[in-house]
Protein backbone atom coordinates (compact mmCIF):
# COMPACT_ATOMS: atom_id res chain seq x y z
CA UNK A 1 -27.24 -11.77 53.82
CA UNK A 2 -24.89 -13.52 51.75
CA UNK A 3 -21.27 -14.32 52.45
CA UNK A 4 -18.71 -13.54 49.74
CA UNK A 5 -15.96 -15.80 48.87
CA UNK A 6 -14.78 -14.96 45.32
CA UNK A 7 -12.68 -11.68 44.56
CA UNK A 8 -13.83 -8.91 41.95
CA UNK A 9 -11.73 -10.72 39.37
CA UNK A 10 -12.72 -14.38 40.09
CA UNK A 11 -16.60 -13.42 40.17
CA UNK A 12 -16.27 -11.71 36.56
CA UNK A 13 -13.72 -14.39 35.01
CA UNK A 14 -16.49 -16.93 36.26
CA UNK A 15 -19.24 -15.16 34.94
CA UNK A 16 -17.97 -14.62 31.67
CA UNK A 17 -16.66 -18.56 31.35
CA UNK A 18 -20.38 -19.38 32.56
CA UNK A 19 -19.15 -20.73 35.59
CA UNK A 20 -21.08 -20.47 39.18
CA UNK A 21 -20.48 -17.14 41.19
CA UNK A 22 -20.95 -16.74 44.73
CA UNK A 23 -23.41 -13.71 44.09
CA UNK A 24 -24.36 -11.94 40.72
CA UNK A 25 -21.39 -9.69 39.47
CA UNK A 26 -22.31 -5.88 39.75
CA UNK A 27 -20.10 -3.81 37.52
CA UNK A 28 -21.31 -0.21 36.30
CA UNK A 29 -19.74 1.53 33.30
CA UNK A 30 -18.29 4.46 35.05
CA UNK A 31 -16.03 6.77 32.93
CA UNK A 32 -15.19 10.18 32.32
CA UNK A 33 -18.91 11.19 32.26
CA UNK A 34 -19.63 10.67 35.90
CA UNK A 35 -16.08 10.33 37.31
CA UNK A 36 -15.06 13.82 36.14
CA UNK A 37 -11.39 13.99 37.64
CA UNK A 38 -11.92 11.07 40.32
CA UNK A 39 -9.82 8.23 39.44
CA UNK A 40 -11.34 5.26 38.03
CA UNK A 41 -9.89 2.60 40.40
CA UNK A 42 -10.68 4.91 43.52
CA UNK A 43 -14.23 5.05 42.05
CA UNK A 44 -14.94 1.55 41.73
CA UNK A 45 -13.52 0.95 45.67
CA UNK A 46 -15.69 3.71 46.83
CA UNK A 47 -18.88 2.04 45.47
CA UNK A 48 -17.75 -1.41 46.40
CA UNK A 49 -18.43 -2.92 42.82
CA UNK A 50 -16.68 -5.43 40.75
CA UNK A 51 -14.59 -3.27 38.64
CA UNK A 52 -14.14 -3.65 34.93
CA UNK A 53 -11.91 -0.83 34.34
CA UNK A 54 -12.66 0.75 30.90
CA UNK A 55 -11.00 2.68 28.44
CA UNK A 56 -7.55 0.95 28.90
CA UNK A 57 -5.20 -0.01 26.01
CA UNK A 58 -2.42 -2.49 25.40
CA UNK A 59 -1.33 -1.26 22.27
CA UNK A 60 -0.24 2.12 20.70
CA UNK A 61 -0.67 3.41 16.91
CA UNK A 62 -1.81 6.31 14.57
CA UNK A 63 -5.54 5.75 14.61
CA UNK A 64 -6.56 8.80 12.66
CA UNK A 65 -7.98 10.59 15.96
CA UNK A 66 -7.05 13.99 17.32
CA UNK A 67 -5.36 11.81 20.18
CA UNK A 68 -3.28 9.70 18.52
CA UNK A 69 0.43 8.56 18.69
CA UNK A 70 2.80 7.14 16.30
CA UNK A 71 4.37 3.49 16.87
CA UNK A 72 8.11 3.93 18.19
CA UNK A 73 10.62 5.39 15.94
CA UNK A 74 7.91 6.57 13.58
CA UNK A 75 6.14 10.05 13.00
CA UNK A 76 2.43 10.57 12.03
CA UNK A 77 1.79 10.33 8.29
CA UNK A 78 -0.29 13.55 8.77
CA UNK A 79 -0.03 16.76 10.76
CA UNK A 80 -2.63 18.25 13.37
CA UNK A 81 -3.24 21.71 14.30
CA UNK A 82 -5.46 23.54 16.88
CA UNK A 83 -6.96 26.66 17.01
CA UNK A 84 -9.51 28.43 19.29
CA UNK A 85 -12.22 30.20 18.44
CA UNK A 86 -14.57 31.53 21.21
CA UNK A 87 -15.42 28.54 23.41
CA UNK A 88 -14.44 26.05 20.78
CA UNK A 89 -11.49 24.67 19.50
CA UNK A 90 -10.85 23.88 15.78
CA UNK A 91 -8.67 20.70 15.02
CA UNK A 92 -7.03 20.63 11.40
CA UNK A 93 -6.00 17.57 9.88
CA UNK A 94 -3.57 17.96 6.63
CA UNK A 95 -2.48 14.96 4.53
CA UNK A 96 -1.30 14.80 1.61
CA UNK A 97 -4.63 14.03 -0.39
CA UNK A 98 -6.69 16.79 1.38
CA UNK A 99 -7.47 18.28 4.35
CA UNK A 100 -10.18 17.51 7.15
CA UNK A 101 -11.57 19.40 10.26
CA UNK A 102 -13.50 19.08 13.16
CA UNK A 103 -14.47 21.24 16.31
CA UNK A 104 -15.20 20.73 19.93
CA UNK A 105 -16.05 22.29 23.22
CA UNK A 106 -16.86 21.56 26.74
CA UNK A 107 -20.26 22.27 28.05
CA UNK A 108 -22.50 22.14 31.26
CA UNK A 109 -23.93 18.80 29.92
CA UNK A 110 -20.68 17.54 28.95
CA UNK A 111 -18.30 19.03 31.40
CA UNK A 112 -15.56 15.97 31.50
CA UNK A 113 -15.57 15.14 27.83
CA UNK A 114 -15.45 17.06 24.68
CA UNK A 115 -18.58 17.64 22.73
CA UNK A 116 -17.93 17.70 18.94
CA UNK A 117 -19.84 20.43 17.01
CA UNK A 118 -18.63 19.72 13.62
CA UNK A 119 -17.67 16.41 12.55
CA UNK A 120 -14.96 15.75 9.89
CA UNK A 121 -16.93 13.76 7.23
CA UNK A 122 -19.14 16.35 5.14
CA UNK A 123 -18.44 15.48 1.51
CA UNK A 124 -17.29 12.72 -0.54
CA UNK A 125 -13.77 14.42 -0.69
CA UNK A 126 -13.45 14.20 3.20
CA UNK A 127 -14.32 10.32 2.81
CA UNK A 128 -11.31 10.12 0.46
CA UNK A 129 -9.21 11.59 2.86
CA UNK A 130 -10.40 9.48 5.63
CA UNK A 131 -9.71 6.31 3.75
CA UNK A 132 -6.13 7.58 3.12
CA UNK A 133 -5.78 7.94 6.87
CA UNK A 134 -7.14 4.59 7.72
CA UNK A 135 -4.62 3.17 5.48
CA UNK A 136 -1.48 4.75 6.77
CA UNK A 137 -2.46 3.91 10.44
CA UNK A 138 0.14 1.49 12.24
CA UNK A 139 -0.05 -0.29 15.45
CA UNK A 140 2.10 -2.58 17.87
CA UNK A 141 1.72 -4.15 21.19
CA UNK A 142 2.26 -1.41 24.17
CA UNK A 143 1.61 -2.94 27.62
CA UNK A 144 2.86 0.20 29.84
CA UNK A 145 -0.85 1.45 30.33
CA UNK A 146 -2.27 -1.86 30.94
CA UNK A 147 0.39 -3.13 33.39
CA UNK A 148 0.00 0.04 35.54
CA UNK A 149 -3.95 -0.41 35.33
CA UNK A 150 -3.53 -3.94 36.60
CA UNK A 151 -1.41 -3.22 39.16
CA UNK A 152 -3.80 -0.90 40.89
CA UNK A 153 -6.60 -2.73 40.46
CA UNK A 154 -5.34 -6.26 41.69
CA UNK A 155 -7.96 -8.63 42.67
CA UNK A 156 -10.74 -6.18 42.87
CA UNK A 157 -11.82 -6.66 38.91
CA UNK A 158 -10.31 -7.00 35.50
CA UNK A 159 -8.70 -4.56 33.29
CA UNK A 160 -10.69 -4.09 29.99
CA UNK A 161 -9.09 -3.26 26.71
CA UNK A 162 -11.18 -0.74 24.32
CA UNK A 163 -10.85 -1.36 20.59
CA UNK A 164 -12.43 0.54 17.67
CA UNK A 165 -16.21 0.24 16.79
CA UNK A 166 -17.01 -1.69 13.50
CA UNK A 167 -16.45 0.78 10.42
CA UNK A 168 -20.14 1.72 9.61
CA UNK A 169 -21.08 2.49 13.46
CA UNK A 170 -17.30 4.20 14.19
CA UNK A 171 -18.51 6.77 11.09
CA UNK A 172 -21.85 7.23 12.61
CA UNK A 173 -21.14 7.64 16.05
CA UNK A 174 -17.94 9.47 15.61
CA UNK A 175 -17.03 11.23 12.15
CA UNK A 176 -20.23 11.97 10.42
CA UNK A 177 -23.79 13.46 11.62
CA UNK A 178 -26.45 10.50 11.27
CA UNK A 179 -28.05 12.17 8.28
CA UNK A 180 -24.74 13.07 6.80
CA UNK A 181 -23.62 9.72 6.89
CA UNK A 182 -26.54 8.00 5.41
CA UNK A 183 -26.99 10.58 2.43
CA UNK A 184 -23.38 9.89 2.04
CA UNK A 185 -24.01 6.23 1.92
CA UNK A 186 -26.56 6.23 -0.67
CA UNK A 187 -25.41 8.90 -2.80
CA UNK A 188 -21.83 7.24 -2.97
CA UNK A 189 -22.00 3.87 -2.01
CA UNK A 190 -18.59 2.91 -3.86
CA UNK A 191 -16.41 5.20 -1.92
CA UNK A 192 -18.44 4.53 1.21
CA UNK A 193 -17.40 1.04 1.13
CA UNK A 194 -13.88 1.65 0.23
CA UNK A 195 -14.11 3.91 3.29
CA UNK A 196 -15.44 0.72 5.20
CA UNK A 197 -12.73 -1.70 3.76
CA UNK A 198 -9.71 0.67 4.83
CA UNK A 199 -11.52 0.94 8.22
CA UNK A 200 -11.71 -2.72 8.44
CA UNK A 201 -8.12 -3.32 7.73
CA UNK A 202 -7.05 -0.79 9.77
CA UNK A 203 -8.92 -2.36 12.92
CA UNK A 204 -7.45 -5.93 12.10
CA UNK A 205 -4.22 -4.24 12.32
CA UNK A 206 -5.04 -2.78 15.42
CA UNK A 207 -6.39 -6.07 16.72
CA UNK A 208 -3.29 -8.12 15.64
CA UNK A 209 -1.22 -5.81 18.10
CA UNK A 210 -4.23 -5.73 20.47
CA UNK A 211 -4.11 -9.77 20.55
CA UNK A 212 -0.45 -9.83 21.06
CA UNK A 213 -0.57 -7.62 24.27
CA UNK A 214 -1.43 -8.85 27.70
CA UNK A 215 -4.91 -8.71 28.81
CA UNK A 216 -8.09 -11.09 28.71
CA UNK A 217 -10.92 -8.79 28.04
CA UNK A 218 -11.76 -6.69 24.88
CA UNK A 219 -14.72 -4.65 24.72
CA UNK A 220 -15.40 -2.84 21.28
CA UNK A 221 -17.54 0.35 21.80
CA UNK A 222 -19.97 0.10 18.93
CA UNK A 223 -23.16 1.62 20.59
CA UNK A 224 -25.31 -0.51 18.49
CA UNK A 225 -28.83 0.74 18.16
CA UNK A 226 -31.55 0.13 15.58
CA UNK A 227 -32.31 4.16 15.55
CA UNK A 228 -28.68 4.83 13.91
CA UNK A 229 -28.63 1.42 11.53
CA UNK A 230 -31.15 -0.77 10.32
CA UNK A 231 -30.77 -4.55 10.68
CA UNK A 232 -30.90 -5.19 7.18
CA UNK A 233 -27.86 -3.10 6.38
CA UNK A 234 -26.33 -4.26 9.38
CA UNK A 235 -26.62 -7.77 8.31
CA UNK A 236 -24.75 -6.92 4.66
CA UNK A 237 -21.42 -5.99 6.53
CA UNK A 238 -21.13 -6.27 10.51
CA UNK A 239 -21.21 -10.41 10.62
CA UNK A 240 -18.44 -10.67 8.03
CA UNK A 241 -16.53 -7.83 10.22
CA UNK A 242 -17.09 -9.16 13.73
CA UNK A 243 -16.23 -12.92 12.81
CA UNK A 244 -12.62 -11.60 11.66
CA UNK A 245 -12.11 -9.88 14.34
CA UNK A 246 -13.26 -12.58 16.72
CA UNK A 247 -10.94 -14.99 14.77
CA UNK A 248 -7.90 -12.56 15.68
CA UNK A 249 -8.99 -12.06 19.47
CA UNK A 250 -9.80 -15.52 19.90
CA UNK A 251 -6.44 -16.57 18.63
CA UNK A 252 -4.92 -14.43 20.98
CA UNK A 253 -6.85 -15.97 23.77
CA UNK A 254 -9.01 -12.89 24.32
CA UNK A 255 -12.52 -12.46 25.32
CA UNK A 256 -14.47 -10.40 23.02
CA UNK A 257 -17.35 -8.31 24.22
CA UNK A 258 -19.27 -5.48 22.60
CA UNK A 259 -20.80 -2.39 24.11
CA UNK A 260 -24.28 -2.04 22.51
CA UNK A 261 -26.20 0.37 24.71
CA UNK A 262 -28.96 1.32 22.15
CA UNK A 263 -32.44 -0.14 20.90
CA UNK A 264 -31.56 -3.77 20.29
CA UNK A 265 -34.95 -5.50 20.30
CA UNK A 266 -35.34 -4.92 16.28
CA UNK A 267 -31.76 -6.99 15.78
CA UNK A 268 -33.72 -10.08 17.23
CA UNK A 269 -31.57 -13.00 17.47
CA UNK A 270 -28.92 -11.71 15.11
CA UNK A 271 -26.28 -11.11 18.13
CA UNK A 272 -26.71 -14.79 18.73
CA UNK A 273 -25.19 -15.63 15.43
CA UNK A 274 -22.11 -13.73 15.46
CA UNK A 275 -18.85 -15.00 17.39
CA UNK A 276 -19.12 -12.41 20.02
CA UNK A 277 -18.13 -13.68 23.75
CA UNK A 278 -20.87 -11.43 25.41
CA UNK A 279 -22.67 -7.85 24.94
CA UNK A 280 -22.54 -5.29 27.76
CA UNK A 281 -24.00 -2.43 29.16
CA UNK A 282 -27.31 -3.35 27.60
CA UNK A 283 -30.33 -0.78 27.89
CA UNK A 284 -33.70 -1.56 28.85
CA UNK A 285 -36.43 1.26 28.46
CA UNK A 286 -36.82 4.01 28.15
CA UNK A 287 -33.38 4.27 26.77
CA UNK A 288 -33.16 0.71 25.50
CA UNK A 289 -36.03 -1.60 23.81
CA UNK A 290 -35.33 -4.74 25.30
CA UNK A 291 -37.79 -5.23 28.26
CA UNK A 292 -35.29 -7.08 30.44
CA UNK A 293 -32.06 -9.22 30.40
CA UNK A 294 -34.22 -12.29 30.41
CA UNK A 295 -35.46 -11.53 26.92
CA UNK A 296 -31.88 -10.67 25.76
CA UNK A 297 -30.98 -14.19 27.04
CA UNK A 298 -33.89 -15.85 25.20
CA UNK A 299 -32.91 -14.08 22.13
CA UNK A 300 -29.16 -14.52 22.42
CA UNK A 301 -28.83 -17.96 23.58
CA UNK A 302 -26.84 -19.46 26.63
CA UNK A 303 -23.11 -18.78 25.48
CA UNK A 304 -23.22 -15.30 25.14
CA UNK A 305 -21.96 -13.12 28.54
CA UNK A 306 -24.97 -10.31 29.24
CA UNK A 307 -24.67 -7.46 31.20
CA UNK A 308 -26.43 -4.18 32.10
CA UNK A 309 -30.14 -3.65 33.07
CA UNK A 310 -30.09 -0.58 35.18
CA UNK A 311 -31.65 2.45 33.49
CA UNK A 312 -29.91 5.44 33.28
CA UNK A 313 -32.97 7.61 34.15
CA UNK A 314 -33.40 5.21 37.37
CA UNK A 315 -30.04 6.38 38.24
CA UNK A 316 -30.95 9.85 38.27
CA UNK A 317 -34.30 10.21 39.29
CA UNK A 318 -34.91 7.62 42.12
CA UNK A 319 -33.40 8.12 45.58
CA UNK A 320 -31.31 5.41 47.06
CA UNK A 321 -34.18 3.48 48.75
CA UNK A 322 -36.37 3.66 45.53
CA UNK A 323 -33.14 2.50 43.61
CA UNK A 324 -32.84 -0.50 45.92
CA UNK A 325 -36.52 -1.60 45.02
CA UNK A 326 -35.82 -1.07 41.41
CA UNK A 327 -32.68 -3.21 41.43
CA UNK A 328 -34.54 -6.07 43.13
CA UNK A 329 -36.99 -5.87 40.18
CA UNK A 330 -34.09 -5.80 37.80
CA UNK A 331 -32.67 -8.92 39.15
CA UNK A 332 -36.16 -10.74 39.21
CA UNK A 333 -35.93 -10.09 35.44
CA UNK A 334 -32.48 -11.84 34.94
CA UNK A 335 -33.60 -15.65 34.92
CA UNK A 336 -31.15 -17.94 36.44
CA UNK A 337 -28.12 -15.31 35.93
CA UNK A 338 -25.81 -17.58 34.39
CA UNK A 339 -23.11 -16.08 32.32
CA UNK A 340 -24.57 -12.73 33.42
CA UNK A 341 -23.81 -9.38 35.31
CA UNK A 342 -25.76 -6.70 36.56
CA UNK A 343 -24.60 -3.38 35.17
CA UNK A 344 -25.67 0.17 34.11
CA UNK A 345 -27.37 0.89 30.71
CA UNK A 346 -24.75 2.80 28.92
CA UNK A 347 -22.08 5.04 31.16
CA UNK A 348 -23.59 5.93 34.54
CA UNK A 349 -25.03 9.66 34.13
CA UNK A 350 -22.73 12.59 35.35
CA UNK A 351 -25.53 13.38 37.75
CA UNK A 352 -25.88 10.12 39.50
CA UNK A 353 -24.51 10.43 43.12
CA UNK A 354 -22.10 7.98 44.81
CA UNK A 355 -24.66 7.08 47.50
CA UNK A 356 -26.90 5.72 44.74
CA UNK A 357 -24.50 3.45 43.28
CA UNK A 358 -23.34 2.10 46.85
CA UNK A 359 -27.25 1.50 47.51
CA UNK A 360 -27.03 -0.58 44.29
CA UNK A 361 -23.98 -2.61 45.56
CA UNK A 362 -25.55 -3.03 49.15
CA UNK A 363 -28.89 -4.57 47.33
CA UNK A 364 -26.60 -6.78 45.12
CA UNK A 365 -24.82 -8.18 48.06
CA UNK A 366 -28.10 -8.66 50.25
CA UNK A 367 -30.18 -10.05 47.38
CA UNK A 368 -27.93 -11.53 44.80
CA UNK A 369 -26.98 -14.78 45.62
CA UNK A 370 -26.38 -17.04 42.75
CA UNK A 371 -28.41 -18.66 40.76
CA UNK A 372 -30.79 -15.84 40.90
CA UNK A 373 -34.59 -16.73 41.22
CA UNK A 374 -34.47 -20.06 42.05
């Protein structure tokens, strides 16, 4: 049995910086899918994990979503209205250059987060409207939400700040169905690249505000996956975008992490060549394609923080004692464990139990002495 000498905050930051830790950090991605109405800080303390609080902001601004806020002293440059039809809610965005609509609902599979049943990008005209919305978006630092989260979590962990995906993955994940996106991309490449550029410049403005605000750790929710975008097309755009984002964030003293929960093996060593500080919530089979975290280390080199490894299906299907044995095998596949943390493959599923997450914590505390496997 190990003796813990570091706080959750100390352990996570030491791992991020490639320093020795008393044991390997363990920080699952627990958010609305799993937590429901349970407070995130209470959730981390209940399972005894090292908290990386998710989806906190240190800025405010008119990002073109239905959940948006103008910068102080200004109003949104577009109007939004909602109407209910059956079990669905339709959101209508009115702008001087056109109208966008989307519909969402809550269902049994996603009772705590909305499920979008109609996305906004359907036609080339929709792309032009969203381009205009991105051009209008403004952001300023705003620390109240971050300060509240930091006060509550204390030394038990760190508060991470969420930022928008790179333009292509934002549109694929949030704004268009995958097939629609690719038809629009190949049929209207010029207009799509204009939208990319507007979204990229909007994100740079967001990150400028983010870099000026408090906090050390930024997570970009990219959901990178070769099932969504080919590595060849990713190469055309993403390295430039990521380099510009990193320049802004690093100038503000931030650690720049990417949430990449999909199939990553086909990207090879590409992630080693971009100035990310780390990749988190990495998926192993069956939902991901990297066989283990040691393979990620071999591909991406010693300078990237790597976190993940506990398969979502294992969290659901295995009973606590089985899960403990599984976690031991996962840790064997982490190599030495330097600049690494054990985490969930993407968000913890809603039908995982507290008991199972507590079982992982027990295993890590018993068998996670650093360095691993030496």
